[in-house]
Amino acid sequence: KQWYQRRVAITAGKVKDEILVERIAGRMIHQSSGRTYHEVFAPPKVPMTDDVTGEPLMKRPDDNPTILKRRLDIYHEQTAPLIKFYKEKGILRSIDAMQSPEKVFDEISGHFKK
């Protein structure tokens, strides 16, 4: 058997680029502890300030929309041929990664039970 004829599954999560940009560009980090916050989804009590220590939070310089959009363009250019290849072999399992983490986990787990 060819390697792709064995029980192999490739899982690809689908998330809209604009959602990824929103999620990543809104991240804030307390550098010494690693605690993370998000401007929309998990904001600190005081803007740009760690809730525990009161120290300033930081944003990574590459977590800005312009850089993220370019990184996503490169990602799509490089992965499109792989997605096509695995789809043609019948081993690609696409999932809606916009669901809750629990549903995404269940869907991925379900692919391995087939």
N, C-alpha and C. Protein backbone atom coordinates (compact mmCIF):
# COMPACT_ATOMS: atom_id res chain seq x y z
N LYS A 1 0.84 -1.20 0.00
CA LYS A 1 0.00 0.00 0.00
C LYS A 1 0.88 1.25 0.00
N GLN A 2 0.38 2.26 -0.66
CA GLN A 2 1.04 3.56 -0.60
C GLN A 2 0.79 4.15 0.78
N TRP A 3 1.65 5.07 1.21
CA TRP A 3 1.51 5.66 2.55
C TRP A 3 0.15 6.31 2.74
N TYR A 4 -0.41 6.87 1.67
CA TYR A 4 -1.69 7.59 1.81
C TYR A 4 -2.89 6.65 1.77
N GLN A 5 -2.65 5.37 1.53
CA GLN A 5 -3.75 4.41 1.52
C GLN A 5 -3.94 3.78 2.90
N ARG A 6 -3.03 4.02 3.80
CA ARG A 6 -3.17 3.53 5.16
C ARG A 6 -4.15 4.42 5.91
N ARG A 7 -4.40 4.12 7.15
CA ARG A 7 -5.32 4.94 7.95
C ARG A 7 -4.63 6.22 8.35
N VAL A 8 -4.65 7.15 7.44
CA VAL A 8 -4.02 8.45 7.66
C VAL A 8 -5.09 9.51 7.47
N ALA A 9 -5.10 10.49 8.34
CA ALA A 9 -6.03 11.60 8.19
C ALA A 9 -5.29 12.89 8.46
N ILE A 10 -5.52 13.86 7.63
CA ILE A 10 -4.98 15.19 7.81
C ILE A 10 -6.15 16.09 8.20
N THR A 11 -6.00 16.80 9.29
CA THR A 11 -7.07 17.68 9.76
C THR A 11 -6.70 19.13 9.47
N ALA A 12 -7.61 19.83 8.85
CA ALA A 12 -7.40 21.25 8.55
C ALA A 12 -8.55 22.04 9.15
N GLY A 13 -8.21 22.99 9.99
CA GLY A 13 -9.23 23.84 10.61
C GLY A 13 -9.51 25.05 9.73
N LYS A 14 -10.79 25.36 9.59
CA LYS A 14 -11.18 26.52 8.79
C LYS A 14 -11.59 27.67 9.71
N VAL A 15 -10.89 28.79 9.55
CA VAL A 15 -11.20 30.01 10.29
C VAL A 15 -11.02 31.17 9.30
N LYS A 16 -11.94 32.09 9.31
CA LYS A 16 -11.82 33.26 8.42
C LYS A 16 -10.62 34.10 8.82
N ASP A 17 -9.91 34.60 7.81
CA ASP A 17 -8.72 35.41 8.07
C ASP A 17 -9.00 36.60 8.97
N GLU A 18 -10.12 37.26 8.75
CA GLU A 18 -10.40 38.45 9.56
C GLU A 18 -10.60 38.10 11.03
N ILE A 19 -11.09 36.90 11.30
CA ILE A 19 -11.25 36.44 12.69
C ILE A 19 -9.87 36.18 13.31
N LEU A 20 -8.99 35.54 12.53
CA LEU A 20 -7.63 35.30 13.03
C LEU A 20 -6.92 36.62 13.34
N VAL A 21 -7.08 37.59 12.45
CA VAL A 21 -6.44 38.90 12.67
C VAL A 21 -6.99 39.52 13.95
N GLU A 22 -8.31 39.47 14.12
CA GLU A 22 -8.91 40.03 15.34
C GLU A 22 -8.39 39.34 16.59
N ARG A 23 -8.32 38.01 16.55
CA ARG A 23 -7.85 37.25 17.72
C ARG A 23 -6.40 37.55 18.05
N ILE A 24 -5.56 37.57 17.03
CA ILE A 24 -4.12 37.73 17.28
C ILE A 24 -3.76 39.18 17.57
N ALA A 25 -4.34 40.12 16.81
CA ALA A 25 -3.99 41.53 17.00
C ALA A 25 -4.45 42.06 18.35
N GLY A 26 -5.41 41.40 18.98
CA GLY A 26 -5.91 41.86 20.27
C GLY A 26 -5.20 41.27 21.47
N ARG A 27 -4.20 40.43 21.23
CA ARG A 27 -3.50 39.78 22.35
C ARG A 27 -2.63 40.75 23.12
N MET A 28 -2.59 40.54 24.43
CA MET A 28 -1.70 41.28 25.33
C MET A 28 -1.08 40.27 26.27
N ILE A 29 0.16 40.49 26.63
CA ILE A 29 0.89 39.52 27.45
C ILE A 29 1.56 40.22 28.63
N HIS A 30 1.48 39.57 29.79
CA HIS A 30 2.28 40.00 30.93
C HIS A 30 3.57 39.20 30.81
N GLN A 31 4.64 39.87 30.46
CA GLN A 31 5.86 39.21 30.04
C GLN A 31 6.46 38.29 31.10
N SER A 32 6.54 38.73 32.34
CA SER A 32 7.23 37.91 33.34
C SER A 32 6.43 36.67 33.77
N SER A 33 5.11 36.73 33.73
CA SER A 33 4.31 35.57 34.16
C SER A 33 3.78 34.76 32.98
N GLY A 34 3.66 35.39 31.81
CA GLY A 34 3.08 34.70 30.66
C GLY A 34 1.56 34.79 30.61
N ARG A 35 0.95 35.49 31.59
CA ARG A 35 -0.51 35.64 31.56
C ARG A 35 -0.90 36.36 30.28
N THR A 36 -2.01 35.92 29.70
CA THR A 36 -2.48 36.55 28.47
C THR A 36 -3.85 37.18 28.67
N TYR A 37 -4.06 38.22 27.92
CA TYR A 37 -5.33 38.95 27.92
C TYR A 37 -5.68 39.21 26.46
N HIS A 38 -6.89 39.68 26.24
CA HIS A 38 -7.32 40.06 24.90
C HIS A 38 -8.20 41.29 25.01
N GLU A 39 -8.00 42.22 24.09
CA GLU A 39 -8.76 43.48 24.13
C GLU A 39 -10.26 43.27 24.14
N VAL A 40 -10.76 42.23 23.44
CA VAL A 40 -12.20 42.00 23.34
C VAL A 40 -12.64 40.82 24.20
N PHE A 41 -11.95 39.69 24.09
CA PHE A 41 -12.41 38.44 24.69
C PHE A 41 -12.03 38.25 26.15
N ALA A 42 -10.94 38.85 26.60
CA ALA A 42 -10.50 38.70 27.99
C ALA A 42 -9.70 39.93 28.40
N PRO A 43 -10.37 41.09 28.45
CA PRO A 43 -9.63 42.32 28.74
C PRO A 43 -9.19 42.40 30.21
N PRO A 44 -8.07 43.07 30.45
CA PRO A 44 -7.67 43.32 31.84
C PRO A 44 -8.62 44.34 32.46
N LYS A 45 -8.66 44.37 33.78
CA LYS A 45 -9.54 45.33 34.47
C LYS A 45 -9.16 46.77 34.15
N VAL A 46 -7.85 47.03 34.06
CA VAL A 46 -7.33 48.35 33.69
C VAL A 46 -6.59 48.17 32.36
N PRO A 47 -6.90 48.98 31.35
CA PRO A 47 -6.27 48.79 30.05
C PRO A 47 -4.75 48.69 30.12
N MET A 48 -4.21 47.70 29.40
CA MET A 48 -2.77 47.46 29.26
C MET A 48 -2.05 47.26 30.60
N THR A 49 -2.79 46.76 31.62
CA THR A 49 -2.22 46.55 32.95
C THR A 49 -2.58 45.15 33.46
N ASP A 50 -1.59 44.43 33.94
CA ASP A 50 -1.82 43.09 34.47
C ASP A 50 -2.72 43.16 35.70
N ASP A 51 -3.73 42.30 35.74
CA ASP A 51 -4.68 42.30 36.86
C ASP A 51 -4.04 41.89 38.18
N VAL A 52 -3.01 41.07 38.16
CA VAL A 52 -2.41 40.54 39.38
C VAL A 52 -1.35 41.48 39.95
N THR A 53 -0.43 41.92 39.09
CA THR A 53 0.72 42.70 39.59
C THR A 53 0.58 44.20 39.38
N GLY A 54 -0.30 44.61 38.47
CA GLY A 54 -0.41 46.03 38.13
C GLY A 54 0.68 46.49 37.17
N GLU A 55 1.52 45.55 36.71
CA GLU A 55 2.59 45.89 35.77
C GLU A 55 2.02 46.04 34.36
N PRO A 56 2.75 46.75 33.51
CA PRO A 56 2.27 46.94 32.14
C PRO A 56 2.25 45.64 31.33
N LEU A 57 1.28 45.55 30.46
CA LEU A 57 1.20 44.45 29.51
C LEU A 57 1.90 44.87 28.23
N MET A 58 2.29 43.89 27.43
CA MET A 58 2.94 44.21 26.16
C MET A 58 2.19 43.53 25.01
N LYS A 59 2.37 44.08 23.84
CA LYS A 59 1.87 43.47 22.61
C LYS A 59 3.08 43.15 21.76
N ARG A 60 3.08 41.99 21.16
CA ARG A 60 4.19 41.64 20.27
C ARG A 60 4.17 42.56 19.06
N PRO A 61 5.33 43.01 18.62
CA PRO A 61 5.37 43.92 17.47
C PRO A 61 4.82 43.30 16.18
N ASP A 62 4.89 41.96 16.06
CA ASP A 62 4.38 41.34 14.84
C ASP A 62 2.89 40.97 14.95
N ASP A 63 2.26 41.29 16.07
CA ASP A 63 0.82 41.06 16.22
C ASP A 63 0.04 42.30 15.81
N ASN A 64 0.30 42.77 14.60
CA ASN A 64 -0.47 43.90 14.10
C ASN A 64 -1.12 43.48 12.78
N PRO A 65 -2.25 44.09 12.44
CA PRO A 65 -3.01 43.65 11.27
C PRO A 65 -2.23 43.60 9.96
N THR A 66 -1.36 44.55 9.72
CA THR A 66 -0.61 44.57 8.46
C THR A 66 0.30 43.35 8.33
N ILE A 67 1.06 43.09 9.38
CA ILE A 67 1.97 41.94 9.36
C ILE A 67 1.18 40.63 9.35
N LEU A 68 0.11 40.57 10.12
CA LEU A 68 -0.69 39.35 10.17
C LEU A 68 -1.30 39.03 8.81
N LYS A 69 -1.80 40.02 8.11
CA LYS A 69 -2.39 39.77 6.79
C LYS A 69 -1.34 39.24 5.83
N ARG A 70 -0.13 39.76 5.90
CA ARG A 70 0.94 39.26 5.03
C ARG A 70 1.30 37.82 5.41
N ARG A 71 1.38 37.54 6.70
CA ARG A 71 1.67 36.17 7.14
C ARG A 71 0.58 35.21 6.68
N LEU A 72 -0.66 35.63 6.72
CA LEU A 72 -1.76 34.78 6.25
C LEU A 72 -1.69 34.57 4.74
N ASP A 73 -1.32 35.60 3.99
CA ASP A 73 -1.15 35.44 2.53
C ASP A 73 -0.11 34.37 2.23
N ILE A 74 1.01 34.44 2.94
CA ILE A 74 2.08 33.45 2.74
C ILE A 74 1.59 32.06 3.14
N TYR A 75 0.89 31.99 4.25
CA TYR A 75 0.34 30.70 4.71
C TYR A 75 -0.55 30.09 3.63
N HIS A 76 -1.47 30.89 3.07
CA HIS A 76 -2.39 30.37 2.06
C HIS A 76 -1.63 29.94 0.80
N GLU A 77 -0.66 30.72 0.38
CA GLU A 77 0.13 30.37 -0.80
C GLU A 77 0.83 29.03 -0.60
N GLN A 78 1.38 28.82 0.58
CA GLN A 78 2.17 27.61 0.82
C GLN A 78 1.33 26.39 1.15
N THR A 79 0.16 26.58 1.74
CA THR A 79 -0.64 25.42 2.14
C THR A 79 -1.67 25.00 1.11
N ALA A 80 -2.07 25.88 0.22
CA ALA A 80 -3.09 25.53 -0.78
C ALA A 80 -2.72 24.27 -1.56
N PRO A 81 -1.46 24.12 -2.04
CA PRO A 81 -1.12 22.89 -2.76
C PRO A 81 -1.21 21.64 -1.87
N LEU A 82 -0.87 21.78 -0.60
CA LEU A 82 -0.96 20.64 0.32
C LEU A 82 -2.40 20.25 0.57
N ILE A 83 -3.25 21.24 0.78
CA ILE A 83 -4.67 20.98 1.00
C ILE A 83 -5.25 20.25 -0.22
N LYS A 84 -4.93 20.73 -1.41
CA LYS A 84 -5.41 20.10 -2.65
C LYS A 84 -4.92 18.66 -2.75
N PHE A 85 -3.64 18.44 -2.48
CA PHE A 85 -3.04 17.10 -2.55
C PHE A 85 -3.76 16.14 -1.61
N TYR A 86 -3.91 16.53 -0.34
CA TYR A 86 -4.54 15.64 0.63
C TYR A 86 -6.02 15.43 0.33
N LYS A 87 -6.68 16.44 -0.20
CA LYS A 87 -8.09 16.31 -0.58
C LYS A 87 -8.23 15.30 -1.71
N GLU A 88 -7.36 15.40 -2.72
CA GLU A 88 -7.39 14.46 -3.85
C GLU A 88 -7.12 13.02 -3.40
N LYS A 89 -6.33 12.84 -2.37
CA LYS A 89 -6.04 11.51 -1.84
C LYS A 89 -7.16 10.99 -0.95
N GLY A 90 -8.12 11.85 -0.62
CA GLY A 90 -9.25 11.44 0.21
C GLY A 90 -8.95 11.34 1.68
N ILE A 91 -7.88 11.99 2.13
CA ILE A 91 -7.52 11.89 3.55
C ILE A 91 -7.63 13.22 4.30
N LEU A 92 -8.13 14.24 3.63
CA LEU A 92 -8.28 15.53 4.28
C LEU A 92 -9.59 15.57 5.04
N ARG A 93 -9.51 15.97 6.28
CA ARG A 93 -10.70 16.15 7.12
C ARG A 93 -10.75 17.62 7.51
N SER A 94 -11.67 18.34 6.94
CA SER A 94 -11.80 19.77 7.27
C SER A 94 -12.77 19.93 8.43
N ILE A 95 -12.43 20.84 9.33
CA ILE A 95 -13.31 21.11 10.45
C ILE A 95 -13.57 22.61 10.54
N ASP A 96 -14.70 22.94 11.11
CA ASP A 96 -15.04 24.33 11.35
C ASP A 96 -14.41 24.73 12.68
N ALA A 97 -13.30 25.43 12.62
CA ALA A 97 -12.58 25.83 13.83
C ALA A 97 -13.17 27.08 14.47
N MET A 98 -14.32 27.52 13.99
CA MET A 98 -15.01 28.66 14.59
C MET A 98 -15.93 28.21 15.72
N GLN A 99 -16.05 26.91 15.91
CA GLN A 99 -16.89 26.37 16.98
C GLN A 99 -16.17 26.51 18.32
N SER A 100 -16.83 26.11 19.36
CA SER A 100 -16.21 26.13 20.69
C SER A 100 -15.04 25.15 20.70
N PRO A 101 -14.05 25.38 21.58
CA PRO A 101 -12.93 24.45 21.66
C PRO A 101 -13.37 23.00 21.91
N GLU A 102 -14.41 22.82 22.71
CA GLU A 102 -14.91 21.48 22.99
C GLU A 102 -15.45 20.81 21.73
N LYS A 103 -16.19 21.55 20.93
CA LYS A 103 -16.74 20.98 19.69
C LYS A 103 -15.63 20.68 18.68
N VAL A 104 -14.63 21.56 18.60
CA VAL A 104 -13.50 21.31 17.70
C VAL A 104 -12.79 20.04 18.13
N PHE A 105 -12.52 19.90 19.42
CA PHE A 105 -11.86 18.69 19.93
C PHE A 105 -12.68 17.44 19.59
N ASP A 106 -13.99 17.50 19.84
CA ASP A 106 -14.86 16.35 19.56
C ASP A 106 -14.84 16.00 18.07
N GLU A 107 -14.85 17.01 17.22
CA GLU A 107 -14.84 16.75 15.78
C GLU A 107 -13.53 16.12 15.34
N ILE A 108 -12.42 16.64 15.85
CA ILE A 108 -11.10 16.05 15.52
C ILE A 108 -11.04 14.62 16.03
N SER A 109 -11.46 14.41 17.27
CA SER A 109 -11.46 13.06 17.84
C SER A 109 -12.30 12.10 17.01
N GLY A 110 -13.43 12.58 16.54
CA GLY A 110 -14.32 11.76 15.71
C GLY A 110 -13.68 11.30 14.42
N HIS A 111 -12.80 12.11 13.86
CA HIS A 111 -12.11 11.72 12.62
C HIS A 111 -11.19 10.53 12.85
N PHE A 112 -10.63 10.42 14.03
CA PHE A 112 -9.70 9.33 14.30
C PHE A 112 -10.41 8.05 14.70
N LYS A 113 -11.70 8.13 14.96
CA LYS A 113 -12.47 6.93 15.31
C LYS A 113 -13.02 6.23 14.08
N LYS A 114 -12.94 6.91 12.92
CA LYS A 114 -13.48 6.34 11.68
C LYS A 114 -12.59 5.27 11.14
